[in-house]
Structure formats: structure tokens, C-alpha cells
């Protein structure tokens, strides 16, 4: 049985207004991850993603080393129980 996990992320830095949400969405859809990404009022970006643990690790690595990685100054990573509430991955406004 393959375990589905939930990864809750908060990225800090200059992560708003640079295409970070849309880049994150592209990576998530490529990896077939479900969840969302959104800007927060404090300037951070929140990501909630559900999928196989190995794929979620790949997802996080792709974001932290991808084209926009230079804008990230901090990452908070929280593993949570999955809820299965998502059908796909999208940007929330």
C-alpha cells in the first residue's frame, strides 16, 4: 500500500509578485499532486499538497532549487495527516 501524505509549507522571502504561485502550480500538476498555493497577508506563500511521500519530497526539492529559489529566504515544513479533500492543484486568490 502506498502512503498518501500531506505537506503544509510556508515560504518566506520575496515570494509574492514574482510568479512563485504559478511556478509552484506547474510543478505540482507535473507531479500529479493535489492541493493549493496562495499568498498570505504577511508576504509569505502557503502551500498545502497531498500525494505520495516520495513525490512530495521531489516537489519540495523542485521548488527549493528551481528558477525562483533565489527569492526564498525561509521555508517552514509541516507533515500532517492527509484529508483527501483535493481533486487537483490550483492557485487560490
PDB file of N, CA and C in Angstrom:
ATOM      1  N   UNK A   1       0.837  -1.193   0.000  1.00  0.00           N
ATOM      2  CA  UNK A   1       0.000   0.000   0.000  1.00  0.00           C
ATOM      3  C   UNK A   1       0.880   1.253   0.000  1.00  0.00           C
ATOM      4  N   UNK A   2       0.544   2.190  -0.843  1.00  0.00           N
ATOM      5  CA  UNK A   2       1.304   3.429  -0.943  1.00  0.00           C
ATOM      6  C   UNK A   2       0.668   4.466  -0.024  1.00  0.00           C
ATOM      7  N   UNK A   3       1.498   5.035   0.812  1.00  0.00           N
ATOM      8  CA  UNK A   3       1.000   6.002   1.779  1.00  0.00           C
ATOM      9  C   UNK A   3       0.879   7.397   1.153  1.00  0.00           C
ATOM     10  N   UNK A   4      -0.289   7.987   1.309  1.00  0.00           N
ATOM     11  CA  UNK A   4      -0.510   9.364   0.881  1.00  0.00           C
ATOM     12  C   UNK A   4      -0.251  10.259   2.083  1.00  0.00           C
ATOM     13  N   UNK A   5       0.490  11.334   1.847  1.00  0.00           N
ATOM     14  CA  UNK A   5       0.871  12.273   2.903  1.00  0.00           C
ATOM     15  C   UNK A   5       0.376  13.673   2.546  1.00  0.00           C
ATOM     16  N   UNK A   6       0.410  14.525   3.551  1.00  0.00           N
ATOM     17  CA  UNK A   6       0.050  15.937   3.372  1.00  0.00           C
ATOM     18  C   UNK A   6       1.227  16.777   3.847  1.00  0.00           C
ATOM     19  N   UNK A   7       1.663  17.676   2.992  1.00  0.00           N
ATOM     20  CA  UNK A   7       2.773  18.575   3.293  1.00  0.00           C
ATOM     21  C   UNK A   7       2.247  20.004   3.307  1.00  0.00           C
ATOM     22  N   UNK A   8       2.434  20.679   4.431  1.00  0.00           N
ATOM     23  CA  UNK A   8       1.993  22.067   4.606  1.00  0.00           C
ATOM     24  C   UNK A   8       3.253  22.920   4.659  1.00  0.00           C
ATOM     25  N   UNK A   9       3.367  23.847   3.727  1.00  0.00           N
ATOM     26  CA  UNK A   9       4.583  24.658   3.584  1.00  0.00           C
ATOM     27  C   UNK A   9       4.276  26.139   3.695  1.00  0.00           C
ATOM     28  N   UNK A  10       5.254  26.862   4.234  1.00  0.00           N
ATOM     29  CA  UNK A  10       5.220  28.321   4.248  1.00  0.00           C
ATOM     30  C   UNK A  10       6.571  28.801   3.733  1.00  0.00           C
ATOM     31  N   UNK A  11       6.556  29.559   2.642  1.00  0.00           N
ATOM     32  CA  UNK A  11       7.780  30.109   2.074  1.00  0.00           C
ATOM     33  C   UNK A  11       7.844  31.601   2.386  1.00  0.00           C
ATOM     34  N   UNK A  12       9.002  32.029   2.865  1.00  0.00           N
ATOM     35  CA  UNK A  12       9.231  33.441   3.160  1.00  0.00           C
ATOM     36  C   UNK A  12      10.281  33.983   2.210  1.00  0.00           C
ATOM     37  N   UNK A  13      10.279  35.295   2.065  1.00  0.00           N
ATOM     38  CA  UNK A  13      11.223  35.984   1.186  1.00  0.00           C
ATOM     39  C   UNK A  13      10.445  36.874   0.235  1.00  0.00           C
ATOM     40  N   UNK A  14      11.010  37.109  -0.928  1.00  0.00           N
ATOM     41  CA  UNK A  14      10.329  37.880  -1.963  1.00  0.00           C
ATOM     42  C   UNK A  14       9.594  36.882  -2.843  1.00  0.00           C
ATOM     43  N   UNK A  15       8.555  36.282  -2.292  1.00  0.00           N
ATOM     44  CA  UNK A  15       7.855  35.204  -2.970  1.00  0.00           C
ATOM     45  C   UNK A  15       6.484  35.612  -3.501  1.00  0.00           C
ATOM     46  N   UNK A  16       6.150  36.884  -3.368  1.00  0.00           N
ATOM     47  CA  UNK A  16       4.913  37.391  -3.956  1.00  0.00           C
ATOM     48  C   UNK A  16       5.266  38.380  -5.064  1.00  0.00           C
ATOM     49  N   UNK A  17       4.516  38.300  -6.158  1.00  0.00           N
ATOM     50  CA  UNK A  17       4.727  39.218  -7.273  1.00  0.00           C
ATOM     51  C   UNK A  17       5.842  38.796  -8.218  1.00  0.00           C
ATOM     52  N   UNK A  18       6.316  37.557  -8.093  1.00  0.00           N
ATOM     53  CA  UNK A  18       7.411  37.093  -8.954  1.00  0.00           C
ATOM     54  C   UNK A  18       7.034  35.827  -9.731  1.00  0.00           C
ATOM     55  N   UNK A  19       5.771  35.415  -9.667  1.00  0.00           N
ATOM     56  CA  UNK A  19       5.318  34.215 -10.357  1.00  0.00           C
ATOM     57  C   UNK A  19       5.492  32.935  -9.560  1.00  0.00           C
ATOM     58  N   UNK A  20       5.757  33.063  -8.277  1.00  0.00           N
ATOM     59  CA  UNK A  20       6.024  31.905  -7.420  1.00  0.00           C
ATOM     60  C   UNK A  20       4.828  30.953  -7.335  1.00  0.00           C
ATOM     61  N   UNK A  21       3.627  31.489  -7.184  1.00  0.00           N
ATOM     62  CA  UNK A  21       2.439  30.633  -7.086  1.00  0.00           C
ATOM     63  C   UNK A  21       2.230  29.828  -8.365  1.00  0.00           C
ATOM     64  N   UNK A  22       2.403  30.477  -9.499  1.00  0.00           N
ATOM     65  CA  UNK A  22       2.156  29.815 -10.772  1.00  0.00           C
ATOM     66  C   UNK A  22       3.243  28.792 -11.088  1.00  0.00           C
ATOM     67  N   UNK A  23       4.473  29.077 -10.689  1.00  0.00           N
ATOM     68  CA  UNK A  23       5.554  28.109 -10.831  1.00  0.00           C
ATOM     69  C   UNK A  23       5.257  26.876  -9.964  1.00  0.00           C
ATOM     70  N   UNK A  24       4.839  27.110  -8.725  1.00  0.00           N
ATOM     71  CA  UNK A  24       4.502  26.026  -7.804  1.00  0.00           C
ATOM     72  C   UNK A  24       3.367  25.185  -8.367  1.00  0.00           C
ATOM     73  N   UNK A  25       2.363  25.836  -8.938  1.00  0.00           N
ATOM     74  CA  UNK A  25       1.238  25.111  -9.537  1.00  0.00           C
ATOM     75  C   UNK A  25       1.713  24.230 -10.695  1.00  0.00           C
ATOM     76  N   UNK A  26       2.586  24.750 -11.546  1.00  0.00           N
ATOM     77  CA  UNK A  26       3.091  23.952 -12.678  1.00  0.00           C
ATOM     78  C   UNK A  26       3.837  22.706 -12.194  1.00  0.00           C
ATOM     79  N   UNK A  27       4.684  22.888 -11.176  1.00  0.00           N
ATOM     80  CA  UNK A  27       5.440  21.751 -10.639  1.00  0.00           C
ATOM     81  C   UNK A  27       4.479  20.721 -10.045  1.00  0.00           C
ATOM     82  N   UNK A  28       3.503  21.169  -9.276  1.00  0.00           N
ATOM     83  CA  UNK A  28       2.548  20.265  -8.639  1.00  0.00           C
ATOM     84  C   UNK A  28       1.738  19.489  -9.676  1.00  0.00           C
ATOM     85  N   UNK A  29       1.296  20.152 -10.707  1.00  0.00           N
ATOM     86  CA  UNK A  29       0.495  19.475 -11.735  1.00  0.00           C
ATOM     87  C   UNK A  29       1.346  18.475 -12.519  1.00  0.00           C
ATOM     88  N   UNK A  30       2.600  18.814 -12.754  1.00  0.00           N
ATOM     89  CA  UNK A  30       3.512  17.896 -13.458  1.00  0.00           C
ATOM     90  C   UNK A  30       3.708  16.616 -12.648  1.00  0.00           C
ATOM     91  N   UNK A  31       3.756  16.763 -11.321  1.00  0.00           N
ATOM     92  CA  UNK A  31       3.988  15.620 -10.434  1.00  0.00           C
ATOM     93  C   UNK A  31       2.691  14.950  -9.964  1.00  0.00           C
ATOM     94  N   UNK A  32       1.554  15.456 -10.441  1.00  0.00           N
ATOM     95  CA  UNK A  32       0.241  14.906 -10.085  1.00  0.00           C
ATOM     96  C   UNK A  32      -0.030  14.984  -8.587  1.00  0.00           C
ATOM     97  N   UNK A  33       0.236  16.150  -8.023  1.00  0.00           N
ATOM     98  CA  UNK A  33      -0.005  16.444  -6.608  1.00  0.00           C
ATOM     99  C   UNK A  33      -1.301  17.240  -6.498  1.00  0.00           C
ATOM    100  N   UNK A  34      -2.056  17.018  -5.453  1.00  0.00           N
ATOM    101  CA  UNK A  34      -3.296  17.751  -5.206  1.00  0.00           C
ATOM    102  C   UNK A  34      -3.070  18.761  -4.084  1.00  0.00           C
ATOM    103  N   UNK A  35      -3.804  19.884  -4.130  1.00  0.00           N
ATOM    104  CA  UNK A  35      -3.703  20.886  -3.073  1.00  0.00           C
ATOM    105  C   UNK A  35      -3.856  22.290  -3.608  1.00  0.00           C
ATOM    106  N   UNK A  36      -3.187  23.238  -2.948  1.00  0.00           N
ATOM    107  CA  UNK A  36      -3.289  24.634  -3.372  1.00  0.00           C
ATOM    108  C   UNK A  36      -2.061  25.423  -2.940  1.00  0.00           C
ATOM    109  N   UNK A  37      -1.930  26.594  -3.550  1.00  0.00           N
ATOM    110  CA  UNK A  37      -0.913  27.574  -3.185  1.00  0.00           C
ATOM    111  C   UNK A  37      -1.607  28.933  -3.120  1.00  0.00           C
ATOM    112  N   UNK A  38      -1.222  29.747  -2.133  1.00  0.00           N
ATOM    113  CA  UNK A  38      -1.827  31.078  -2.036  1.00  0.00           C
ATOM    114  C   UNK A  38      -0.883  32.043  -1.320  1.00  0.00           C
ATOM    115  N   UNK A  39      -1.052  33.329  -1.636  1.00  0.00           N
ATOM    116  CA  UNK A  39      -0.335  34.388  -0.935  1.00  0.00           C
ATOM    117  C   UNK A  39      -0.993  34.622   0.417  1.00  0.00           C
ATOM    118  N   UNK A  40      -0.174  34.965   1.402  1.00  0.00           N
ATOM    119  CA  UNK A  40      -0.682  35.325   2.725  1.00  0.00           C
ATOM    120  C   UNK A  40      -0.474  36.818   2.963  1.00  0.00           C
ATOM    121  N   UNK A  41      -1.282  37.424   3.815  1.00  0.00           N
ATOM    122  CA  UNK A  41      -1.168  38.857   4.072  1.00  0.00           C
ATOM    123  C   UNK A  41       0.200  39.286   4.607  1.00  0.00           C
ATOM    124  N   UNK A  42       0.936  38.391   5.247  1.00  0.00           N
ATOM    125  CA  UNK A  42       2.238  38.758   5.819  1.00  0.00           C
ATOM    126  C   UNK A  42       3.378  38.704   4.799  1.00  0.00           C
ATOM    127  N   UNK A  43       3.060  38.414   3.526  1.00  0.00           N
ATOM    128  CA  UNK A  43       4.082  38.385   2.481  1.00  0.00           C
ATOM    129  C   UNK A  43       4.605  36.995   2.175  1.00  0.00           C
ATOM    130  N   UNK A  44       4.206  36.014   2.959  1.00  0.00           N
ATOM    131  CA  UNK A  44       4.628  34.636   2.724  1.00  0.00           C
ATOM    132  C   UNK A  44       3.694  33.967   1.716  1.00  0.00           C
ATOM    133  N   UNK A  45       4.081  32.786   1.271  1.00  0.00           N
ATOM    134  CA  UNK A  45       3.243  31.958   0.407  1.00  0.00           C
ATOM    135  C   UNK A  45       3.004  30.636   1.125  1.00  0.00           C
ATOM    136  N   UNK A  46       1.738  30.221   1.161  1.00  0.00           N
ATOM    137  CA  UNK A  46       1.351  28.965   1.798  1.00  0.00           C
ATOM    138  C   UNK A  46       1.065  27.924   0.715  1.00  0.00           C
ATOM    139  N   UNK A  47       1.514  26.697   0.960  1.00  0.00           N
ATOM    140  CA  UNK A  47       1.253  25.581   0.064  1.00  0.00           C
ATOM    141  C   UNK A  47       0.742  24.414   0.904  1.00  0.00           C
ATOM    142  N   UNK A  48      -0.347  23.809   0.458  1.00  0.00           N
ATOM    143  CA  UNK A  48      -0.828  22.563   1.045  1.00  0.00           C
ATOM    144  C   UNK A  48      -0.856  21.560  -0.099  1.00  0.00           C
ATOM    145  N   UNK A  49      -0.130  20.449   0.071  1.00  0.00           N
ATOM    146  CA  UNK A  49      -0.013  19.465  -1.003  1.00  0.00           C
ATOM    147  C   UNK A  49      -0.200  18.065  -0.461  1.00  0.00           C
ATOM    148  N   UNK A  50      -0.938  17.244  -1.220  1.00  0.00           N
ATOM    149  CA  UNK A  50      -1.138  15.853  -0.854  1.00  0.00           C
ATOM    150  C   UNK A  50      -0.708  14.951  -1.995  1.00  0.00           C
ATOM    151  N   UNK A  51      -0.032  13.872  -1.636  1.00  0.00           N
ATOM    152  CA  UNK A  51       0.433  12.914  -2.617  1.00  0.00           C
ATOM    153  C   UNK A  51       1.333  11.894  -1.944  1.00  0.00           C
ATOM    154  N   UNK A  52       1.999  11.088  -2.743  1.00  0.00           N
ATOM    155  CA  UNK A  52       2.935  10.101  -2.221  1.00  0.00           C
ATOM    156  C   UNK A  52       4.127  10.827  -1.599  1.00  0.00           C
ATOM    157  N   UNK A  53       4.624  10.306  -0.492  1.00  0.00           N
ATOM    158  CA  UNK A  53       5.719  10.960   0.249  1.00  0.00           C
ATOM    159  C   UNK A  53       6.923  11.256  -0.658  1.00  0.00           C
ATOM    160  N   UNK A  54       7.328  10.289  -1.441  1.00  0.00           N
ATOM    161  CA  UNK A  54       8.486  10.464  -2.331  1.00  0.00           C
ATOM    162  C   UNK A  54       8.238  11.597  -3.332  1.00  0.00           C
ATOM    163  N   UNK A  55       7.026  11.677  -3.850  1.00  0.00           N
ATOM    164  CA  UNK A  55       6.682  12.720  -4.813  1.00  0.00           C
ATOM    165  C   UNK A  55       6.634  14.085  -4.125  1.00  0.00           C
ATOM    166  N   UNK A  56       6.129  14.141  -2.904  1.00  0.00           N
ATOM    167  CA  UNK A  56       6.110  15.407  -2.166  1.00  0.00           C
ATOM    168  C   UNK A  56       7.526  15.888  -1.862  1.00  0.00           C
ATOM    169  N   UNK A  57       8.429  14.963  -1.554  1.00  0.00           N
ATOM    170  CA  UNK A  57       9.832  15.340  -1.352  1.00  0.00           C
ATOM    171  C   UNK A  57      10.419  15.908  -2.634  1.00  0.00           C
ATOM    172  N   UNK A  58      10.086  15.287  -3.769  1.00  0.00           N
ATOM    173  CA  UNK A  58      10.548  15.774  -5.072  1.00  0.00           C
ATOM    174  C   UNK A  58       9.973  17.156  -5.376  1.00  0.00           C
ATOM    175  N   UNK A  59       8.708  17.344  -5.040  1.00  0.00           N
ATOM    176  CA  UNK A  59       8.017  18.623  -5.218  1.00  0.00           C
ATOM    177  C   UNK A  59       8.727  19.734  -4.443  1.00  0.00           C
ATOM    178  N   UNK A  60       8.992  19.479  -3.165  1.00  0.00           N
ATOM    179  CA  UNK A  60       9.673  20.477  -2.338  1.00  0.00           C
ATOM    180  C   UNK A  60      11.062  20.781  -2.881  1.00  0.00           C
ATOM    181  N   UNK A  61      11.780  19.761  -3.262  1.00  0.00           N
ATOM    182  CA  UNK A  61      13.120  19.951  -3.815  1.00  0.00           C
ATOM    183  C   UNK A  61      13.082  20.787  -5.089  1.00  0.00           C
ATOM    184  N   UNK A  62      12.107  20.515  -5.952  1.00  0.00           N
ATOM    185  CA  UNK A  62      11.984  21.270  -7.208  1.00  0.00           C
ATOM    186  C   UNK A  62      11.728  22.748  -6.944  1.00  0.00           C
ATOM    187  N   UNK A  63      10.911  23.049  -5.942  1.00  0.00           N
ATOM    188  CA  UNK A  63      10.629  24.447  -5.612  1.00  0.00           C
ATOM    189  C   UNK A  63      11.877  25.110  -5.019  1.00  0.00           C
ATOM    190  N   UNK A  64      12.551  24.407  -4.125  1.00  0.00           N
ATOM    191  CA  UNK A  64      13.706  24.988  -3.434  1.00  0.00           C
ATOM    192  C   UNK A  64      14.943  25.119  -4.314  1.00  0.00           C
ATOM    193  N   UNK A  65      14.976  24.437  -5.447  1.00  0.00           N
ATOM    194  CA  UNK A  65      16.147  24.517  -6.328  1.00  0.00           C
ATOM    195  C   UNK A  65      15.799  25.044  -7.712  1.00  0.00           C
ATOM    196  N   UNK A  66      14.527  25.359  -7.954  1.00  0.00           N
ATOM    197  CA  UNK A  66      14.076  25.795  -9.275  1.00  0.00           C
ATOM    198  C   UNK A  66      14.410  27.235  -9.586  1.00  0.00           C
ATOM    199  N   UNK A  67      13.828  27.721 -10.677  1.00  0.00           N
ATOM    200  CA  UNK A  67      14.097  29.065 -11.203  1.00  0.00           C
ATOM    201  C   UNK A  67      13.860  30.183 -10.193  1.00  0.00           C
ATOM    202  N   UNK A  68      12.924  30.006  -9.287  1.00  0.00           N
ATOM    203  CA  UNK A  68      12.574  31.071  -8.340  1.00  0.00           C
ATOM    204  C   UNK A  68      13.138  30.830  -6.939  1.00  0.00           C
ATOM    205  N   UNK A  69      14.019  29.856  -6.797  1.00  0.00           N
ATOM    206  CA  UNK A  69      14.565  29.512  -5.482  1.00  0.00           C
ATOM    207  C   UNK A  69      15.319  30.667  -4.840  1.00  0.00           C
ATOM    208  N   UNK A  70      15.890  31.543  -5.625  1.00  0.00           N
ATOM    209  CA  UNK A  70      16.639  32.680  -5.098  1.00  0.00           C
ATOM    210  C   UNK A  70      15.788  33.679  -4.336  1.00  0.00           C
ATOM    211  N   UNK A  71      14.481  33.604  -4.511  1.00  0.00           N
ATOM    212  CA  UNK A  71      13.571  34.505  -3.808  1.00  0.00           C
ATOM    213  C   UNK A  71      13.197  33.989  -2.419  1.00  0.00           C
ATOM    214  N   UNK A  72      13.486  32.717  -2.140  1.00  0.00           N
ATOM    215  CA  UNK A  72      13.111  32.098  -0.869  1.00  0.00           C
ATOM    216  C   UNK A  72      14.191  32.360   0.182  1.00  0.00           C
ATOM    217  N   UNK A  73      13.792  32.915   1.327  1.00  0.00           N
ATOM    218  CA  UNK A  73      14.737  33.111   2.431  1.00  0.00           C
ATOM    219  C   UNK A  73      14.446  32.180   3.600  1.00  0.00           C
ATOM    220  N   UNK A  74      13.282  31.560   3.597  1.00  0.00           N
ATOM    221  CA  UNK A  74      12.934  30.630   4.670  1.00  0.00           C
ATOM    222  C   UNK A  74      11.809  29.710   4.245  1.00  0.00           C
ATOM    223  N   UNK A  75      11.841  28.490   4.768  1.00  0.00           N
ATOM    224  CA  UNK A  75      10.797  27.506   4.477  1.00  0.00           C
ATOM    225  C   UNK A  75      10.417  26.803   5.772  1.00  0.00           C
ATOM    226  N   UNK A  76       9.116  26.802   6.062  1.00  0.00           N
ATOM    227  CA  UNK A  76       8.611  26.019   7.188  1.00  0.00           C
ATOM    228  C   UNK A  76       7.873  24.828   6.596  1.00  0.00           C
ATOM    229  N   UNK A  77       8.203  23.630   7.057  1.00  0.00           N
ATOM    230  CA  UNK A  77       7.646  22.391   6.519  1.00  0.00           C
ATOM    231  C   UNK A  77       6.958  21.632   7.654  1.00  0.00           C
ATOM    232  N   UNK A  78       5.681  21.300   7.439  1.00  0.00           N
ATOM    233  CA  UNK A  78       4.902  20.575   8.441  1.00  0.00           C
ATOM    234  C   UNK A  78       4.236  19.380   7.755  1.00  0.00           C
ATOM    235  N   UNK A  79       4.520  18.179   8.267  1.00  0.00           N
ATOM    236  CA  UNK A  79       3.845  16.980   7.767  1.00  0.00           C
ATOM    237  C   UNK A  79       2.570  16.786   8.577  1.00  0.00           C
ATOM    238  N   UNK A  80       1.457  16.569   7.878  1.00  0.00           N
ATOM    239  CA  UNK A  80       0.154  16.412   8.517  1.00  0.00           C
ATOM    240  C   UNK A  80      -0.552  15.179   7.950  1.00  0.00           C
ATOM    241  N   UNK A  81      -1.573  14.697   8.630  1.00  0.00           N
ATOM    242  CA  UNK A  81      -2.365  13.601   8.064  1.00  0.00           C
ATOM    243  C   UNK A  81      -3.123  14.099   6.826  1.00  0.00           C
ATOM    244  N   UNK A  82      -3.194  13.303   5.770  1.00  0.00           N
ATOM    245  CA  UNK A  82      -3.935  13.728   4.577  1.00  0.00           C
ATOM    246  C   UNK A  82      -5.438  13.743   4.836  1.00  0.00           C
ATOM    247  N   UNK A  83      -6.148  14.603   4.116  1.00  0.00           N
ATOM    248  CA  UNK A  83      -7.601  14.683   4.241  1.00  0.00           C
ATOM    249  C   UNK A  83      -8.308  14.177   2.986  1.00  0.00           C
ATOM    250  N   UNK A  84      -7.612  14.146   1.863  1.00  0.00           N
ATOM    251  CA  UNK A  84      -8.225  13.715   0.610  1.00  0.00           C
ATOM    252  C   UNK A  84      -9.229  14.697   0.058  1.00  0.00           C
ATOM    253  N   UNK A  85      -9.171  15.945   0.526  1.00  0.00           N
ATOM    254  CA  UNK A  85     -10.173  16.933   0.122  1.00  0.00           C
ATOM    255  C   UNK A  85      -9.929  17.543  -1.258  1.00  0.00           C
ATOM    256  N   UNK A  86      -8.763  17.316  -1.862  1.00  0.00           N
ATOM    257  CA  UNK A  86      -8.413  17.963  -3.123  1.00  0.00           C
ATOM    258  C   UNK A  86      -8.498  16.990  -4.294  1.00  0.00           C
ATOM    259  N   UNK A  87      -8.987  17.487  -5.430  1.00  0.00           N
ATOM    260  CA  UNK A  87      -9.018  16.702  -6.662  1.00  0.00           C
ATOM    261  C   UNK A  87      -7.862  17.055  -7.579  1.00  0.00           C
ATOM    262  N   UNK A  88      -7.366  18.275  -7.444  1.00  0.00           N
ATOM    263  CA  UNK A  88      -6.274  18.745  -8.285  1.00  0.00           C
ATOM    264  C   UNK A  88      -5.493  19.801  -7.522  1.00  0.00           C
ATOM    265  N   UNK A  89      -4.599  20.499  -8.192  1.00  0.00           N
ATOM    266  CA  UNK A  89      -3.797  21.539  -7.563  1.00  0.00           C
ATOM    267  C   UNK A  89      -4.102  22.870  -8.232  1.00  0.00           C
ATOM    268  N   UNK A  90      -4.289  23.922  -7.424  1.00  0.00           N
ATOM    269  CA  UNK A  90      -4.602  25.215  -8.009  1.00  0.00           C
ATOM    270  C   UNK A  90      -4.123  26.373  -7.165  1.00  0.00           C
ATOM    271  N   UNK A  91      -4.163  27.538  -7.786  1.00  0.00           N
ATOM    272  CA  UNK A  91      -3.825  28.793  -7.103  1.00  0.00           C
ATOM    273  C   UNK A  91      -5.102  29.330  -6.468  1.00  0.00           C
ATOM    274  N   UNK A  92      -5.018  29.684  -5.207  1.00  0.00           N
ATOM    275  CA  UNK A  92      -6.146  30.317  -4.520  1.00  0.00           C
ATOM    276  C   UNK A  92      -5.869  31.811  -4.399  1.00  0.00           C
ATOM    277  N   UNK A  93      -6.912  32.582  -4.584  1.00  0.00           N
ATOM    278  CA  UNK A  93      -6.783  34.038  -4.503  1.00  0.00           C
ATOM    279  C   UNK A  93      -7.546  34.575  -3.319  1.00  0.00           C
TER     280      UNK A  93
END
